N, C-alpha and C. Protein backbone atom coordinates (compact mmCIF):
# COMPACT_ATOMS: atom_id res chain seq x y z
N MET A 1 13.14 5.32 -6.56
CA MET A 1 13.94 4.29 -5.83
C MET A 1 13.15 2.88 -5.93
N LYS A 2 13.87 1.84 -6.34
CA LYS A 2 13.30 0.49 -6.34
C LYS A 2 13.39 -0.07 -4.93
N HIS A 3 12.39 -0.65 -4.49
CA HIS A 3 12.25 -1.33 -3.06
C HIS A 3 12.64 -2.66 -3.28
N SER A 4 13.25 -3.31 -2.24
CA SER A 4 13.54 -4.69 -2.13
C SER A 4 12.11 -5.35 -1.90
N ARG A 5 12.04 -6.71 -2.03
CA ARG A 5 10.89 -7.51 -1.77
C ARG A 5 10.43 -7.24 -0.34
N PHE A 6 11.36 -7.15 0.55
CA PHE A 6 10.96 -7.01 1.97
C PHE A 6 10.30 -5.59 2.29
N GLU A 7 10.92 -4.62 1.74
CA GLU A 7 10.34 -3.23 1.79
C GLU A 7 9.05 -3.23 1.14
N LYS A 8 8.83 -3.80 -0.07
CA LYS A 8 7.63 -3.74 -0.75
C LYS A 8 6.54 -4.52 0.09
N ALA A 9 6.86 -5.63 0.72
CA ALA A 9 5.91 -6.31 1.66
C ALA A 9 5.51 -5.45 2.82
N ARG A 10 6.41 -4.82 3.38
CA ARG A 10 6.17 -4.03 4.61
C ARG A 10 5.39 -2.86 4.22
N ILE A 11 5.62 -2.13 3.14
CA ILE A 11 4.75 -0.98 2.62
C ILE A 11 3.39 -1.40 2.36
N ILE A 12 3.23 -2.47 1.60
CA ILE A 12 1.87 -2.86 1.22
C ILE A 12 1.08 -3.40 2.42
N GLY A 13 1.87 -4.12 3.37
CA GLY A 13 1.20 -4.63 4.67
C GLY A 13 0.65 -3.42 5.46
N ALA A 14 1.56 -2.40 5.67
CA ALA A 14 1.10 -1.18 6.42
C ALA A 14 0.01 -0.42 5.82
N ARG A 15 -0.02 -0.32 4.49
CA ARG A 15 -1.13 0.41 3.80
C ARG A 15 -2.30 -0.41 3.89
N ALA A 16 -2.40 -1.85 3.76
CA ALA A 16 -3.46 -2.60 3.97
C ALA A 16 -4.06 -2.44 5.43
N LEU A 17 -3.27 -2.41 6.37
CA LEU A 17 -3.62 -2.18 7.77
C LEU A 17 -4.36 -0.80 7.89
N GLN A 18 -3.84 0.25 7.26
CA GLN A 18 -4.49 1.51 7.30
C GLN A 18 -5.82 1.53 6.64
N ILE A 19 -5.91 0.92 5.56
CA ILE A 19 -7.29 0.71 4.84
C ILE A 19 -8.31 -0.12 5.74
N THR A 20 -7.74 -1.16 6.36
CA THR A 20 -8.63 -1.81 7.33
C THR A 20 -9.12 -1.07 8.40
N MET A 21 -8.29 -0.15 8.91
CA MET A 21 -8.81 0.71 9.97
C MET A 21 -9.46 2.00 9.50
N GLY A 22 -9.90 2.03 8.37
CA GLY A 22 -10.67 3.11 7.90
C GLY A 22 -10.13 4.18 7.05
N ALA A 23 -8.82 4.09 6.72
CA ALA A 23 -8.31 5.27 5.83
C ALA A 23 -8.97 5.20 4.60
N PRO A 24 -8.94 6.40 3.98
CA PRO A 24 -9.58 6.66 2.69
C PRO A 24 -8.76 5.90 1.52
N LEU A 25 -9.44 5.33 0.58
CA LEU A 25 -8.82 4.75 -0.48
C LEU A 25 -8.16 5.77 -1.46
N LEU A 26 -7.00 5.54 -2.05
CA LEU A 26 -6.35 6.48 -2.92
C LEU A 26 -6.55 6.23 -4.35
N ILE A 27 -7.38 5.17 -4.66
CA ILE A 27 -7.78 4.76 -5.96
C ILE A 27 -9.41 4.70 -5.99
N ARG A 28 -9.87 4.84 -7.16
CA ARG A 28 -11.30 4.66 -7.42
C ARG A 28 -11.66 3.25 -7.40
N GLY A 29 -12.73 3.00 -6.76
CA GLY A 29 -13.18 1.60 -6.71
C GLY A 29 -13.89 1.45 -5.42
N LYS A 30 -14.64 0.29 -5.21
CA LYS A 30 -15.33 -0.02 -4.03
C LYS A 30 -14.50 -0.97 -3.11
N LYS A 31 -14.52 -0.78 -1.91
CA LYS A 31 -13.89 -1.61 -0.92
C LYS A 31 -14.41 -3.03 -1.00
N ASP A 32 -15.67 -3.22 -1.32
CA ASP A 32 -16.16 -4.57 -1.41
C ASP A 32 -15.70 -5.40 -2.53
N MET A 33 -15.23 -4.64 -3.59
CA MET A 33 -14.74 -5.40 -4.82
C MET A 33 -13.52 -6.25 -4.61
N LEU A 34 -12.52 -5.77 -3.90
CA LEU A 34 -11.27 -6.29 -3.72
C LEU A 34 -10.91 -6.33 -2.28
N ASN A 35 -10.02 -7.27 -1.88
CA ASN A 35 -9.65 -7.32 -0.46
C ASN A 35 -8.63 -6.20 -0.36
N VAL A 36 -8.27 -5.92 0.92
CA VAL A 36 -7.44 -4.67 1.25
C VAL A 36 -6.01 -4.88 0.84
N VAL A 37 -5.49 -6.08 0.69
CA VAL A 37 -4.19 -6.32 0.26
C VAL A 37 -4.06 -5.98 -1.28
N GLU A 38 -5.08 -6.46 -2.11
CA GLU A 38 -5.16 -6.12 -3.48
C GLU A 38 -5.18 -4.64 -3.72
N ILE A 39 -6.00 -3.93 -2.94
CA ILE A 39 -6.17 -2.47 -3.01
C ILE A 39 -4.77 -1.82 -2.78
N ALA A 40 -4.07 -2.27 -1.72
CA ALA A 40 -2.85 -1.65 -1.42
C ALA A 40 -1.76 -2.01 -2.48
N GLU A 41 -1.83 -3.16 -3.14
CA GLU A 41 -0.96 -3.58 -4.16
C GLU A 41 -1.12 -2.72 -5.41
N ILE A 42 -2.46 -2.34 -5.72
CA ILE A 42 -2.65 -1.47 -6.82
C ILE A 42 -2.14 -0.11 -6.58
N GLU A 43 -2.35 0.39 -5.23
CA GLU A 43 -1.79 1.70 -5.01
C GLU A 43 -0.40 1.66 -5.01
N TYR A 44 0.48 0.67 -4.71
CA TYR A 44 1.84 0.57 -4.68
C TYR A 44 2.31 0.65 -6.03
N ARG A 45 1.65 -0.19 -7.03
CA ARG A 45 2.07 -0.11 -8.45
C ARG A 45 1.86 1.17 -9.03
N LYS A 46 0.85 1.95 -8.74
CA LYS A 46 0.68 3.32 -9.15
C LYS A 46 1.55 4.36 -8.53
N GLY A 47 2.19 4.00 -7.45
CA GLY A 47 3.13 4.88 -6.74
C GLY A 47 2.52 5.96 -5.99
N ILE A 48 1.29 5.63 -5.40
CA ILE A 48 0.60 6.76 -4.76
C ILE A 48 0.44 6.45 -3.18
N ILE A 49 1.10 5.44 -2.64
CA ILE A 49 1.04 5.15 -1.30
C ILE A 49 1.92 6.18 -0.51
N PRO A 50 1.42 6.86 0.53
CA PRO A 50 2.00 7.82 1.27
C PRO A 50 3.07 7.20 2.38
N ILE A 51 3.67 6.25 2.02
CA ILE A 51 4.70 5.54 2.97
C ILE A 51 6.01 5.39 2.14
N ASN A 52 7.12 5.69 2.86
CA ASN A 52 8.37 5.52 2.21
C ASN A 52 9.27 4.59 3.13
N ALA A 53 10.29 3.97 2.56
CA ALA A 53 11.22 3.19 3.20
C ALA A 53 12.52 3.99 3.36
N LEU A 54 12.96 4.12 4.44
CA LEU A 54 14.29 4.80 4.70
C LEU A 54 15.28 3.91 4.88
N ARG A 55 16.32 4.04 3.97
CA ARG A 55 17.50 3.10 4.19
C ARG A 55 18.69 3.93 4.72
N GLU A 56 19.24 3.33 5.66
CA GLU A 56 20.42 3.90 6.47
C GLU A 56 21.77 3.51 5.74
N ALA A 57 22.61 4.46 5.49
CA ALA A 57 23.99 4.04 4.84
C ALA A 57 24.91 3.34 5.87
């Protein structure tokens, strides 16, 4: 399912907050190399973020 730009922003923001609070990274790399938003964007592009957007009909 393709997300709207608003859903994408919400998912990436929520994941960035999780990383900031100490959640483990789902990609290889060091936390010091990128900021948390860039890490969350990479995880989003790879489709491995454990967050879904629920659309109501």
